[in-house]
N, C-alpha and C. Protein backbone atom coordinates (compact mmCIF):
# COMPACT_ATOMS: atom_id res chain seq x y z
N MET A 1 -22.72 9.00 -13.99
CA MET A 1 -22.29 7.60 -13.84
C MET A 1 -21.37 7.21 -15.00
N ILE A 2 -20.31 6.49 -14.69
CA ILE A 2 -19.36 6.02 -15.69
C ILE A 2 -19.56 4.51 -15.88
N GLY A 3 -19.37 4.02 -17.08
CA GLY A 3 -19.45 2.58 -17.31
C GLY A 3 -19.90 2.25 -18.72
N PHE A 4 -19.58 1.02 -19.14
CA PHE A 4 -19.94 0.54 -20.47
C PHE A 4 -21.06 -0.48 -20.36
N PRO A 5 -22.16 -0.31 -21.09
CA PRO A 5 -23.25 -1.28 -21.05
C PRO A 5 -22.88 -2.59 -21.73
N GLU A 6 -23.64 -3.61 -21.43
CA GLU A 6 -23.41 -4.92 -22.02
C GLU A 6 -23.43 -4.85 -23.54
N GLN A 7 -24.21 -3.93 -24.09
CA GLN A 7 -24.33 -3.82 -25.54
C GLN A 7 -23.00 -3.47 -26.19
N ALA A 8 -22.09 -2.82 -25.44
CA ALA A 8 -20.77 -2.50 -25.99
C ALA A 8 -19.99 -3.77 -26.29
N LEU A 9 -20.06 -4.74 -25.37
CA LEU A 9 -19.37 -6.01 -25.59
C LEU A 9 -20.03 -6.80 -26.71
N ILE A 10 -21.35 -6.76 -26.75
CA ILE A 10 -22.07 -7.46 -27.82
C ILE A 10 -21.72 -6.86 -29.18
N PHE A 11 -21.59 -5.54 -29.21
CA PHE A 11 -21.20 -4.87 -30.46
C PHE A 11 -19.86 -5.39 -30.97
N TYR A 12 -18.87 -5.50 -30.07
CA TYR A 12 -17.55 -5.94 -30.50
C TYR A 12 -17.52 -7.44 -30.80
N GLU A 13 -18.31 -8.21 -30.12
CA GLU A 13 -18.41 -9.63 -30.48
C GLU A 13 -18.93 -9.77 -31.90
N GLY A 14 -19.92 -8.98 -32.24
CA GLY A 14 -20.46 -9.02 -33.60
C GLY A 14 -19.47 -8.52 -34.63
N LEU A 15 -18.70 -7.49 -34.28
CA LEU A 15 -17.72 -6.94 -35.22
C LEU A 15 -16.59 -7.94 -35.47
N GLU A 16 -16.21 -8.70 -34.45
CA GLU A 16 -15.19 -9.73 -34.64
C GLU A 16 -15.68 -10.80 -35.61
N ALA A 17 -16.97 -11.10 -35.56
CA ALA A 17 -17.55 -12.13 -36.44
C ALA A 17 -17.81 -11.60 -37.85
N ASP A 18 -18.09 -10.32 -37.96
CA ASP A 18 -18.43 -9.73 -39.26
C ASP A 18 -17.84 -8.33 -39.36
N ASN A 19 -16.55 -8.27 -39.69
CA ASN A 19 -15.86 -6.98 -39.78
C ASN A 19 -16.08 -6.42 -41.18
N SER A 20 -17.26 -5.87 -41.38
CA SER A 20 -17.64 -5.38 -42.70
C SER A 20 -18.31 -4.02 -42.57
N LYS A 21 -18.35 -3.30 -43.68
CA LYS A 21 -19.00 -2.00 -43.70
C LYS A 21 -20.49 -2.14 -43.43
N THR A 22 -21.08 -3.22 -43.89
CA THR A 22 -22.51 -3.45 -43.68
C THR A 22 -22.81 -3.58 -42.19
N TYR A 23 -22.02 -4.40 -41.50
CA TYR A 23 -22.23 -4.56 -40.06
C TYR A 23 -22.04 -3.22 -39.36
N TRP A 24 -20.97 -2.52 -39.71
CA TRP A 24 -20.68 -1.24 -39.06
C TRP A 24 -21.83 -0.26 -39.24
N ASN A 25 -22.31 -0.12 -40.45
CA ASN A 25 -23.39 0.83 -40.71
C ASN A 25 -24.66 0.44 -39.97
N ASP A 26 -24.95 -0.85 -39.93
CA ASP A 26 -26.16 -1.32 -39.26
C ASP A 26 -26.10 -1.14 -37.75
N HIS A 27 -24.88 -1.18 -37.20
CA HIS A 27 -24.72 -1.12 -35.74
C HIS A 27 -24.02 0.15 -35.28
N ARG A 28 -23.91 1.14 -36.14
CA ARG A 28 -23.25 2.39 -35.78
C ARG A 28 -23.87 3.05 -34.55
N PRO A 29 -25.22 3.05 -34.43
CA PRO A 29 -25.80 3.66 -33.21
C PRO A 29 -25.32 2.99 -31.92
N ALA A 30 -25.12 1.68 -31.96
CA ALA A 30 -24.63 0.98 -30.76
C ALA A 30 -23.22 1.43 -30.42
N TYR A 31 -22.39 1.62 -31.44
CA TYR A 31 -21.04 2.12 -31.20
C TYR A 31 -21.07 3.51 -30.59
N GLU A 32 -21.87 4.38 -31.17
CA GLU A 32 -21.92 5.76 -30.70
C GLU A 32 -22.44 5.86 -29.26
N GLU A 33 -23.50 5.12 -28.96
CA GLU A 33 -24.17 5.24 -27.67
C GLU A 33 -23.52 4.39 -26.57
N CYS A 34 -23.00 3.22 -26.93
CA CYS A 34 -22.54 2.26 -25.92
C CYS A 34 -21.02 2.18 -25.80
N VAL A 35 -20.30 2.68 -26.80
CA VAL A 35 -18.84 2.65 -26.77
C VAL A 35 -18.27 4.06 -26.73
N LYS A 36 -18.54 4.85 -27.76
CA LYS A 36 -17.90 6.16 -27.88
C LYS A 36 -18.29 7.11 -26.76
N THR A 37 -19.59 7.24 -26.50
CA THR A 37 -20.05 8.18 -25.48
C THR A 37 -19.55 7.80 -24.08
N PRO A 38 -19.67 6.52 -23.67
CA PRO A 38 -19.12 6.15 -22.35
C PRO A 38 -17.60 6.31 -22.27
N MET A 39 -16.88 6.03 -23.35
CA MET A 39 -15.43 6.19 -23.33
C MET A 39 -15.07 7.67 -23.17
N GLN A 40 -15.77 8.54 -23.86
CA GLN A 40 -15.51 9.97 -23.72
C GLN A 40 -15.79 10.44 -22.30
N ALA A 41 -16.84 9.90 -21.68
CA ALA A 41 -17.17 10.26 -20.30
C ALA A 41 -16.08 9.77 -19.35
N LEU A 42 -15.57 8.56 -19.59
CA LEU A 42 -14.50 8.01 -18.76
C LEU A 42 -13.24 8.87 -18.88
N LEU A 43 -12.88 9.24 -20.09
CA LEU A 43 -11.68 10.05 -20.31
C LEU A 43 -11.82 11.43 -19.69
N ALA A 44 -13.02 11.99 -19.74
CA ALA A 44 -13.26 13.30 -19.14
C ALA A 44 -13.09 13.24 -17.63
N ALA A 45 -13.51 12.13 -17.02
CA ALA A 45 -13.38 11.96 -15.58
C ALA A 45 -11.92 11.77 -15.17
N LEU A 46 -11.11 11.21 -16.05
CA LEU A 46 -9.69 10.97 -15.77
C LEU A 46 -8.82 12.18 -16.05
N GLU A 47 -9.29 13.06 -16.91
CA GLU A 47 -8.46 14.17 -17.40
C GLU A 47 -7.91 15.08 -16.30
N PRO A 48 -8.69 15.45 -15.27
CA PRO A 48 -8.13 16.36 -14.25
C PRO A 48 -6.86 15.83 -13.58
N GLU A 49 -6.75 14.51 -13.44
CA GLU A 49 -5.59 13.94 -12.78
C GLU A 49 -4.48 13.55 -13.75
N PHE A 50 -4.85 13.04 -14.93
CA PHE A 50 -3.85 12.45 -15.82
C PHE A 50 -3.60 13.23 -17.10
N GLY A 51 -4.44 14.19 -17.39
CA GLY A 51 -4.29 14.95 -18.62
C GLY A 51 -5.22 14.45 -19.72
N ALA A 52 -5.28 15.23 -20.78
CA ALA A 52 -6.17 14.91 -21.89
C ALA A 52 -5.69 13.67 -22.64
N ALA A 53 -6.64 12.82 -23.01
CA ALA A 53 -6.32 11.59 -23.74
C ALA A 53 -6.75 11.72 -25.19
N LYS A 54 -6.05 11.01 -26.04
CA LYS A 54 -6.42 10.92 -27.45
C LYS A 54 -7.27 9.66 -27.64
N PHE A 55 -8.49 9.84 -28.13
CA PHE A 55 -9.39 8.73 -28.40
C PHE A 55 -9.18 8.33 -29.86
N PHE A 56 -8.68 7.12 -30.07
CA PHE A 56 -8.30 6.69 -31.41
C PHE A 56 -9.50 6.39 -32.30
N ARG A 57 -9.34 6.66 -33.57
CA ARG A 57 -10.39 6.40 -34.55
C ARG A 57 -10.68 4.90 -34.64
N PRO A 58 -11.91 4.53 -34.97
CA PRO A 58 -12.27 3.11 -35.04
C PRO A 58 -11.87 2.44 -36.35
N TYR A 59 -11.30 3.20 -37.27
CA TYR A 59 -10.96 2.66 -38.59
C TYR A 59 -9.50 2.23 -38.65
N ARG A 60 -9.25 1.08 -39.24
CA ARG A 60 -7.89 0.58 -39.38
C ARG A 60 -7.22 1.22 -40.59
N ASP A 61 -5.92 1.42 -40.50
CA ASP A 61 -5.11 1.85 -41.64
C ASP A 61 -4.65 0.59 -42.36
N VAL A 62 -5.27 0.31 -43.49
CA VAL A 62 -5.01 -0.95 -44.20
C VAL A 62 -4.07 -0.77 -45.40
N ARG A 63 -3.50 0.43 -45.55
CA ARG A 63 -2.71 0.70 -46.75
C ARG A 63 -1.52 -0.23 -46.90
N PHE A 64 -0.87 -0.58 -45.79
CA PHE A 64 0.34 -1.40 -45.87
C PHE A 64 0.15 -2.72 -45.12
N SER A 65 -1.08 -3.15 -44.96
CA SER A 65 -1.38 -4.36 -44.21
C SER A 65 -2.02 -5.41 -45.10
N LYS A 66 -1.62 -6.66 -44.87
CA LYS A 66 -2.26 -7.76 -45.59
C LYS A 66 -3.69 -7.97 -45.11
N ASP A 67 -3.93 -7.62 -43.86
CA ASP A 67 -5.26 -7.72 -43.27
C ASP A 67 -6.06 -6.48 -43.68
N LYS A 68 -7.06 -6.67 -44.52
CA LYS A 68 -7.82 -5.54 -45.05
C LYS A 68 -9.15 -5.31 -44.32
N THR A 69 -9.36 -5.97 -43.18
CA THR A 69 -10.58 -5.70 -42.42
C THR A 69 -10.57 -4.22 -42.01
N PRO A 70 -11.69 -3.53 -42.21
CA PRO A 70 -11.67 -2.06 -42.10
C PRO A 70 -11.77 -1.47 -40.69
N TYR A 71 -12.21 -2.28 -39.71
CA TYR A 71 -12.51 -1.68 -38.41
C TYR A 71 -11.72 -2.34 -37.27
N LYS A 72 -11.32 -1.53 -36.30
CA LYS A 72 -10.64 -2.04 -35.12
C LYS A 72 -11.66 -2.75 -34.24
N THR A 73 -11.27 -3.87 -33.67
CA THR A 73 -12.18 -4.63 -32.82
C THR A 73 -12.01 -4.25 -31.35
N ALA A 74 -11.58 -3.01 -31.11
CA ALA A 74 -11.45 -2.48 -29.76
C ALA A 74 -11.49 -0.96 -29.84
N ALA A 75 -11.97 -0.33 -28.78
CA ALA A 75 -11.93 1.12 -28.65
C ALA A 75 -10.79 1.45 -27.70
N ALA A 76 -9.94 2.39 -28.08
CA ALA A 76 -8.76 2.66 -27.28
C ALA A 76 -8.47 4.15 -27.21
N ALA A 77 -7.77 4.52 -26.14
CA ALA A 77 -7.36 5.91 -25.95
C ALA A 77 -6.06 5.91 -25.17
N ALA A 78 -5.30 6.99 -25.30
CA ALA A 78 -4.02 7.09 -24.60
C ALA A 78 -3.73 8.52 -24.20
N VAL A 79 -3.13 8.67 -23.04
CA VAL A 79 -2.54 9.93 -22.62
C VAL A 79 -1.06 9.82 -22.98
N GLU A 80 -0.61 10.64 -23.89
CA GLU A 80 0.74 10.51 -24.43
C GLU A 80 1.62 11.68 -24.00
N ASP A 81 2.88 11.36 -23.70
CA ASP A 81 3.88 12.36 -23.35
C ASP A 81 5.17 11.95 -24.01
N ARG A 82 5.64 12.77 -24.96
CA ARG A 82 6.83 12.38 -25.73
C ARG A 82 8.06 12.28 -24.84
N ASP A 83 8.04 12.96 -23.66
CA ASP A 83 9.21 12.96 -22.79
C ASP A 83 9.23 11.79 -21.82
N SER A 84 8.15 11.04 -21.72
CA SER A 84 8.13 9.89 -20.81
C SER A 84 7.28 8.79 -21.41
N GLY A 85 6.52 8.09 -20.59
CA GLY A 85 5.69 7.01 -21.09
C GLY A 85 4.25 7.45 -21.28
N ALA A 86 3.45 6.56 -21.81
CA ALA A 86 2.03 6.82 -22.06
C ALA A 86 1.17 6.02 -21.08
N LEU A 87 -0.10 6.39 -21.04
CA LEU A 87 -1.11 5.64 -20.30
C LEU A 87 -2.18 5.24 -21.29
N TYR A 88 -2.65 3.98 -21.22
CA TYR A 88 -3.48 3.42 -22.27
C TYR A 88 -4.68 2.70 -21.68
N VAL A 89 -5.84 2.84 -22.33
CA VAL A 89 -7.05 2.11 -21.95
C VAL A 89 -7.70 1.58 -23.22
N GLN A 90 -8.15 0.32 -23.16
CA GLN A 90 -8.75 -0.31 -24.33
C GLN A 90 -9.94 -1.18 -23.92
N LEU A 91 -11.05 -1.00 -24.61
CA LEU A 91 -12.24 -1.81 -24.40
C LEU A 91 -12.47 -2.72 -25.60
N SER A 92 -12.72 -4.00 -25.34
CA SER A 92 -13.03 -4.95 -26.41
C SER A 92 -14.00 -5.98 -25.85
N ALA A 93 -14.34 -6.97 -26.66
CA ALA A 93 -15.21 -8.05 -26.19
C ALA A 93 -14.55 -8.84 -25.07
N ASP A 94 -13.23 -8.74 -24.94
CA ASP A 94 -12.49 -9.46 -23.89
C ASP A 94 -12.46 -8.70 -22.58
N GLY A 95 -12.99 -7.48 -22.55
CA GLY A 95 -12.99 -6.70 -21.33
C GLY A 95 -12.17 -5.44 -21.46
N LEU A 96 -11.51 -5.06 -20.36
CA LEU A 96 -10.75 -3.82 -20.31
C LEU A 96 -9.26 -4.12 -20.18
N PHE A 97 -8.46 -3.50 -21.03
CA PHE A 97 -7.01 -3.66 -21.02
C PHE A 97 -6.40 -2.31 -20.67
N LEU A 98 -5.52 -2.29 -19.66
CA LEU A 98 -4.89 -1.07 -19.20
C LEU A 98 -3.38 -1.23 -19.26
N ALA A 99 -2.69 -0.19 -19.66
CA ALA A 99 -1.23 -0.31 -19.81
C ALA A 99 -0.57 1.05 -19.68
N GLY A 100 0.74 1.01 -19.56
CA GLY A 100 1.54 2.23 -19.51
C GLY A 100 2.96 1.92 -19.91
N GLY A 101 3.78 2.97 -20.03
CA GLY A 101 5.16 2.79 -20.42
C GLY A 101 5.43 3.28 -21.82
N ALA A 102 6.47 2.73 -22.44
CA ALA A 102 6.91 3.14 -23.77
C ALA A 102 6.86 1.94 -24.71
N TRP A 103 5.93 1.95 -25.67
CA TRP A 103 5.74 0.81 -26.58
C TRP A 103 6.79 0.77 -27.67
N GLN A 104 7.08 1.91 -28.25
CA GLN A 104 8.00 1.96 -29.38
C GLN A 104 9.11 2.97 -29.08
N LEU A 105 10.32 2.48 -28.98
CA LEU A 105 11.46 3.35 -28.71
C LEU A 105 12.39 3.38 -29.91
N ALA A 106 12.87 4.56 -30.25
CA ALA A 106 13.88 4.70 -31.29
C ALA A 106 15.19 4.11 -30.77
N THR A 107 16.14 3.90 -31.67
CA THR A 107 17.40 3.26 -31.30
C THR A 107 18.11 4.01 -30.18
N ASP A 108 18.15 5.34 -30.27
CA ASP A 108 18.84 6.11 -29.22
C ASP A 108 18.14 5.98 -27.88
N GLN A 109 16.80 5.90 -27.90
CA GLN A 109 16.06 5.74 -26.65
C GLN A 109 16.30 4.36 -26.03
N ALA A 110 16.30 3.33 -26.87
CA ALA A 110 16.53 1.98 -26.38
C ALA A 110 17.92 1.85 -25.77
N ARG A 111 18.89 2.52 -26.35
CA ARG A 111 20.26 2.50 -25.80
C ARG A 111 20.30 3.18 -24.43
N ARG A 112 19.59 4.31 -24.29
CA ARG A 112 19.54 4.99 -23.00
C ARG A 112 18.79 4.15 -21.97
N LEU A 113 17.77 3.44 -22.42
CA LEU A 113 17.03 2.55 -21.53
C LEU A 113 17.96 1.49 -20.94
N ARG A 114 18.73 0.83 -21.79
CA ARG A 114 19.61 -0.24 -21.31
C ARG A 114 20.76 0.31 -20.47
N ALA A 115 21.26 1.49 -20.83
CA ALA A 115 22.34 2.10 -20.03
C ALA A 115 21.84 2.43 -18.62
N ALA A 116 20.60 2.91 -18.53
CA ALA A 116 20.04 3.23 -17.22
C ALA A 116 19.74 1.97 -16.41
N ILE A 117 19.36 0.90 -17.08
CA ILE A 117 19.15 -0.38 -16.40
C ILE A 117 20.47 -0.91 -15.85
N ALA A 118 21.54 -0.74 -16.62
CA ALA A 118 22.85 -1.25 -16.21
C ALA A 118 23.44 -0.46 -15.06
N GLU A 119 23.18 0.84 -15.00
CA GLU A 119 23.72 1.69 -13.95
C GLU A 119 23.08 1.31 -12.61
N ASP A 120 23.89 1.21 -11.56
CA ASP A 120 23.41 0.67 -10.29
C ASP A 120 22.22 1.43 -9.71
N ARG A 121 22.35 2.75 -9.59
CA ARG A 121 21.29 3.51 -8.91
C ARG A 121 19.98 3.49 -9.70
N SER A 122 20.04 3.86 -10.98
CA SER A 122 18.82 3.91 -11.78
C SER A 122 18.28 2.51 -12.05
N GLY A 123 19.17 1.54 -12.25
CA GLY A 123 18.72 0.18 -12.51
C GLY A 123 18.05 -0.45 -11.31
N THR A 124 18.61 -0.21 -10.12
CA THR A 124 17.99 -0.72 -8.90
C THR A 124 16.64 -0.05 -8.67
N GLY A 125 16.58 1.24 -8.97
CA GLY A 125 15.31 1.95 -8.83
C GLY A 125 14.23 1.38 -9.73
N LEU A 126 14.60 1.06 -10.97
CA LEU A 126 13.64 0.48 -11.89
C LEU A 126 13.19 -0.90 -11.41
N ALA A 127 14.11 -1.70 -10.93
CA ALA A 127 13.76 -3.03 -10.44
C ALA A 127 12.72 -2.94 -9.32
N LYS A 128 12.86 -1.95 -8.45
CA LYS A 128 11.90 -1.76 -7.37
C LYS A 128 10.53 -1.33 -7.91
N ILE A 129 10.55 -0.46 -8.91
CA ILE A 129 9.30 -0.02 -9.54
C ILE A 129 8.57 -1.21 -10.16
N LEU A 130 9.30 -2.04 -10.89
CA LEU A 130 8.69 -3.19 -11.54
C LEU A 130 8.17 -4.19 -10.52
N SER A 131 8.90 -4.38 -9.44
CA SER A 131 8.46 -5.28 -8.38
C SER A 131 7.14 -4.80 -7.77
N LYS A 132 7.04 -3.48 -7.56
CA LYS A 132 5.80 -2.91 -7.01
C LYS A 132 4.65 -3.06 -7.99
N LEU A 133 4.92 -2.90 -9.28
CA LEU A 133 3.88 -3.07 -10.29
C LEU A 133 3.33 -4.50 -10.27
N VAL A 134 4.21 -5.46 -10.14
CA VAL A 134 3.78 -6.87 -10.07
C VAL A 134 2.88 -7.07 -8.84
N LYS A 135 3.25 -6.50 -7.70
CA LYS A 135 2.43 -6.62 -6.49
C LYS A 135 1.06 -5.97 -6.69
N ASP A 136 1.02 -4.92 -7.53
CA ASP A 136 -0.24 -4.24 -7.81
C ASP A 136 -1.05 -4.93 -8.91
N GLY A 137 -0.53 -6.05 -9.42
CA GLY A 137 -1.28 -6.84 -10.40
C GLY A 137 -1.00 -6.53 -11.84
N LEU A 138 0.03 -5.72 -12.12
CA LEU A 138 0.39 -5.41 -13.50
C LEU A 138 1.59 -6.25 -13.92
N GLU A 139 1.64 -6.58 -15.19
CA GLU A 139 2.71 -7.43 -15.72
C GLU A 139 3.66 -6.62 -16.59
N PRO A 140 4.94 -6.51 -16.20
CA PRO A 140 5.91 -5.82 -17.03
C PRO A 140 6.13 -6.56 -18.36
N GLY A 141 6.45 -5.79 -19.39
CA GLY A 141 6.70 -6.40 -20.69
C GLY A 141 7.48 -5.45 -21.58
N GLY A 142 7.58 -5.81 -22.84
CA GLY A 142 8.30 -4.99 -23.81
C GLY A 142 9.00 -5.84 -24.84
N GLU A 143 9.33 -5.23 -25.96
CA GLU A 143 10.10 -5.92 -27.00
C GLU A 143 11.51 -6.21 -26.48
N ARG A 144 12.10 -7.29 -26.98
CA ARG A 144 13.41 -7.69 -26.48
C ARG A 144 14.38 -8.06 -27.60
N LEU A 145 15.65 -7.84 -27.32
CA LEU A 145 16.72 -8.37 -28.15
C LEU A 145 16.83 -9.87 -27.89
N LYS A 146 17.52 -10.57 -28.77
CA LYS A 146 17.69 -12.01 -28.59
C LYS A 146 18.66 -12.33 -27.46
N ARG A 147 19.60 -11.40 -27.19
CA ARG A 147 20.59 -11.65 -26.14
C ARG A 147 21.04 -10.33 -25.53
N VAL A 148 21.68 -10.40 -24.38
CA VAL A 148 22.21 -9.21 -23.71
C VAL A 148 23.34 -8.63 -24.56
N PRO A 149 23.33 -7.33 -24.83
CA PRO A 149 24.43 -6.72 -25.59
C PRO A 149 25.78 -6.99 -24.93
N LYS A 150 26.81 -7.18 -25.75
CA LYS A 150 28.13 -7.57 -25.26
C LYS A 150 28.70 -6.61 -24.23
N GLU A 151 28.39 -5.31 -24.37
CA GLU A 151 29.01 -4.34 -23.47
C GLU A 151 28.56 -4.48 -22.02
N PHE A 152 27.47 -5.21 -21.80
CA PHE A 152 26.98 -5.37 -20.43
C PHE A 152 27.36 -6.71 -19.82
N GLY A 153 27.53 -7.72 -20.64
CA GLY A 153 27.88 -9.04 -20.12
C GLY A 153 26.65 -9.80 -19.66
N GLY A 154 26.65 -11.08 -19.94
CA GLY A 154 25.51 -11.91 -19.62
C GLY A 154 25.34 -12.20 -18.15
N ASP A 155 26.35 -11.88 -17.33
CA ASP A 155 26.26 -12.16 -15.90
C ASP A 155 25.86 -10.92 -15.10
N HIS A 156 25.40 -9.88 -15.78
CA HIS A 156 24.96 -8.66 -15.09
C HIS A 156 23.79 -8.98 -14.17
N ALA A 157 23.70 -8.28 -13.04
CA ALA A 157 22.65 -8.53 -12.05
C ALA A 157 21.25 -8.32 -12.63
N ARG A 158 21.14 -7.47 -13.64
CA ARG A 158 19.83 -7.22 -14.27
C ARG A 158 19.84 -7.63 -15.74
N ALA A 159 20.51 -8.74 -16.01
CA ALA A 159 20.64 -9.23 -17.39
C ALA A 159 19.27 -9.47 -18.03
N ASP A 160 18.29 -9.88 -17.22
CA ASP A 160 16.96 -10.15 -17.77
C ASP A 160 16.32 -8.88 -18.33
N LEU A 161 16.67 -7.72 -17.78
CA LEU A 161 16.12 -6.46 -18.25
C LEU A 161 16.95 -5.83 -19.36
N LEU A 162 18.19 -6.24 -19.48
CA LEU A 162 19.09 -5.60 -20.44
C LEU A 162 18.84 -6.02 -21.88
N THR A 163 17.92 -6.92 -22.10
CA THR A 163 17.53 -7.26 -23.47
C THR A 163 16.36 -6.40 -23.97
N LEU A 164 15.83 -5.55 -23.10
CA LEU A 164 14.65 -4.76 -23.46
C LEU A 164 14.93 -3.74 -24.55
N LYS A 165 14.01 -3.65 -25.51
CA LYS A 165 14.02 -2.60 -26.53
C LYS A 165 12.91 -1.58 -26.27
N SER A 166 11.98 -1.93 -25.41
CA SER A 166 10.90 -1.05 -24.97
C SER A 166 10.48 -1.55 -23.59
N LEU A 167 9.65 -0.77 -22.91
CA LEU A 167 9.30 -1.15 -21.54
C LEU A 167 7.86 -0.73 -21.24
N THR A 168 7.04 -1.72 -20.90
CA THR A 168 5.63 -1.47 -20.61
C THR A 168 5.21 -2.29 -19.39
N ALA A 169 4.01 -2.02 -18.93
CA ALA A 169 3.37 -2.87 -17.93
C ALA A 169 1.88 -2.81 -18.19
N SER A 170 1.17 -3.89 -17.94
CA SER A 170 -0.25 -3.94 -18.32
C SER A 170 -1.03 -4.89 -17.43
N VAL A 171 -2.35 -4.75 -17.50
CA VAL A 171 -3.26 -5.65 -16.80
C VAL A 171 -4.54 -5.75 -17.62
N ARG A 172 -5.12 -6.93 -17.65
CA ARG A 172 -6.39 -7.12 -18.36
C ARG A 172 -7.46 -7.54 -17.36
N HIS A 173 -8.61 -6.88 -17.43
CA HIS A 173 -9.75 -7.19 -16.57
C HIS A 173 -10.84 -7.82 -17.43
N GLU A 174 -11.22 -9.04 -17.12
CA GLU A 174 -12.27 -9.71 -17.87
C GLU A 174 -13.62 -9.05 -17.62
N PRO A 175 -14.54 -9.18 -18.57
CA PRO A 175 -15.85 -8.53 -18.42
C PRO A 175 -16.57 -9.00 -17.15
N GLY A 176 -17.35 -8.11 -16.59
CA GLY A 176 -18.15 -8.42 -15.41
C GLY A 176 -19.09 -7.26 -15.14
N ASP A 177 -19.93 -7.41 -14.13
CA ASP A 177 -20.87 -6.35 -13.80
C ASP A 177 -20.16 -5.04 -13.46
N TRP A 178 -18.94 -5.14 -12.94
CA TRP A 178 -18.17 -3.95 -12.58
C TRP A 178 -17.98 -3.01 -13.77
N LEU A 179 -17.95 -3.56 -14.98
CA LEU A 179 -17.68 -2.78 -16.18
C LEU A 179 -18.82 -1.80 -16.49
N HIS A 180 -19.99 -2.07 -15.95
CA HIS A 180 -21.16 -1.27 -16.29
C HIS A 180 -21.36 -0.05 -15.39
N GLY A 181 -20.50 0.10 -14.38
CA GLY A 181 -20.69 1.21 -13.45
C GLY A 181 -19.40 1.93 -13.12
N ASP A 182 -19.43 2.68 -12.01
CA ASP A 182 -18.31 3.54 -11.65
C ASP A 182 -17.02 2.79 -11.33
N GLU A 183 -17.12 1.47 -11.09
CA GLU A 183 -15.90 0.72 -10.77
C GLU A 183 -14.91 0.74 -11.93
N VAL A 184 -15.40 0.91 -13.14
CA VAL A 184 -14.47 0.96 -14.28
C VAL A 184 -13.54 2.17 -14.13
N LEU A 185 -14.06 3.28 -13.64
CA LEU A 185 -13.23 4.45 -13.39
C LEU A 185 -12.22 4.16 -12.30
N ASP A 186 -12.64 3.49 -11.24
CA ASP A 186 -11.73 3.16 -10.14
C ASP A 186 -10.58 2.28 -10.60
N ARG A 187 -10.89 1.30 -11.47
CA ARG A 187 -9.86 0.38 -11.93
C ARG A 187 -8.85 1.07 -12.84
N VAL A 188 -9.34 1.93 -13.73
CA VAL A 188 -8.42 2.65 -14.60
C VAL A 188 -7.56 3.59 -13.78
N ARG A 189 -8.19 4.34 -12.89
CA ARG A 189 -7.45 5.29 -12.06
C ARG A 189 -6.39 4.58 -11.22
N SER A 190 -6.73 3.45 -10.64
CA SER A 190 -5.79 2.70 -9.81
C SER A 190 -4.60 2.22 -10.62
N ALA A 191 -4.86 1.66 -11.81
CA ALA A 191 -3.77 1.16 -12.65
C ALA A 191 -2.89 2.31 -13.13
N TRP A 192 -3.50 3.39 -13.56
CA TRP A 192 -2.72 4.52 -14.08
C TRP A 192 -1.88 5.16 -12.98
N ARG A 193 -2.40 5.22 -11.77
CA ARG A 193 -1.60 5.74 -10.67
C ARG A 193 -0.40 4.84 -10.40
N ALA A 194 -0.64 3.53 -10.44
CA ALA A 194 0.45 2.58 -10.20
C ALA A 194 1.53 2.70 -11.27
N LEU A 195 1.13 3.07 -12.50
CA LEU A 195 2.07 3.19 -13.61
C LEU A 195 2.85 4.50 -13.60
N GLY A 196 2.43 5.44 -12.76
CA GLY A 196 3.08 6.74 -12.72
C GLY A 196 4.58 6.68 -12.48
N PRO A 197 5.06 5.92 -11.47
CA PRO A 197 6.51 5.85 -11.24
C PRO A 197 7.29 5.30 -12.43
N LEU A 198 6.71 4.35 -13.17
CA LEU A 198 7.39 3.81 -14.35
C LEU A 198 7.55 4.90 -15.40
N ASN A 199 6.49 5.65 -15.66
CA ASN A 199 6.57 6.70 -16.66
C ASN A 199 7.51 7.82 -16.22
N THR A 200 7.53 8.11 -14.92
CA THR A 200 8.47 9.11 -14.41
C THR A 200 9.91 8.66 -14.62
N TRP A 201 10.17 7.39 -14.34
CA TRP A 201 11.52 6.84 -14.54
C TRP A 201 11.92 6.93 -16.01
N LEU A 202 11.00 6.60 -16.90
CA LEU A 202 11.30 6.68 -18.33
C LEU A 202 11.59 8.11 -18.75
N GLY A 203 10.85 9.05 -18.19
CA GLY A 203 11.11 10.45 -18.51
C GLY A 203 12.46 10.92 -18.03
N GLN A 204 12.89 10.44 -16.87
CA GLN A 204 14.16 10.85 -16.30
C GLN A 204 15.36 10.21 -16.99
N HIS A 205 15.21 8.96 -17.42
CA HIS A 205 16.37 8.21 -17.89
C HIS A 205 16.37 7.87 -19.38
N VAL A 206 15.24 8.00 -20.04
CA VAL A 206 15.16 7.69 -21.48
C VAL A 206 14.84 8.95 -22.28
N GLY A 207 13.74 9.58 -21.97
CA GLY A 207 13.37 10.82 -22.64
C GLY A 207 12.95 10.63 -24.09
N PRO A 208 12.75 11.74 -24.81
CA PRO A 208 12.26 11.66 -26.19
C PRO A 208 13.36 11.26 -27.17
N HIS A 209 12.93 10.86 -28.35
CA HIS A 209 13.84 10.57 -29.46
C HIS A 209 14.64 11.83 -29.78
N GLN A 210 15.93 11.72 -29.98
CA GLN A 210 16.79 12.89 -30.17
C GLN A 210 16.41 13.70 -31.39
N ASP A 211 15.87 13.09 -32.43
CA ASP A 211 15.44 13.84 -33.61
C ASP A 211 14.33 14.81 -33.24
N LEU A 212 13.46 14.40 -32.29
CA LEU A 212 12.38 15.27 -31.84
C LEU A 212 12.94 16.44 -31.04
N VAL A 213 13.96 16.15 -30.22
CA VAL A 213 14.57 17.20 -29.40
C VAL A 213 15.23 18.25 -30.30
N GLN A 214 15.91 17.79 -31.34
CA GLN A 214 16.64 18.70 -32.23
C GLN A 214 15.71 19.57 -33.05
N HIS A 215 14.47 19.08 -33.26
CA HIS A 215 13.52 19.84 -34.05
C HIS A 215 12.51 20.56 -33.16
């Protein structure tokens, strides 16, 4: 059986209120049993279809951050592919957050993204993919420039997309009884399948950072 017990949400509610080493040490068994173990089981069930996921450490990197709280208030994992987009799952006190696409693009990747959006065939294809994602309940997003680059013109048919510096889509599911059983697997699988065409498009038209290709 796949699913996160209510204690997982209670654990993160407590961590949000008291993000300290004392709280973490006192509640470490709850994290291990109610968060880490169920997340590993979920990822193992998804792996045959989507590939191996990286389960992120619960500790924050505070070296260059003004926020020195030591622990992440969510458990997260991602299936990453440098040649296309990623698939992401996150559990917190707010429920389950699912996403896909490319969060951080290098300058050369962002330029290829906008060039592909501007080109009629690839740009129209992306618009259809995003429209289908919206129908499936996912919300497209991404970092944006302040204005459309001059080379494309502000009257372009896809001007709203030409400000993108990255491209993602996501959905958040609020906590409920569904989270405690196999439905959590169904929801992740459904969202990740819906995100497949977006990641395929990114792989075809954006690809990896050129420095990575050269090395």
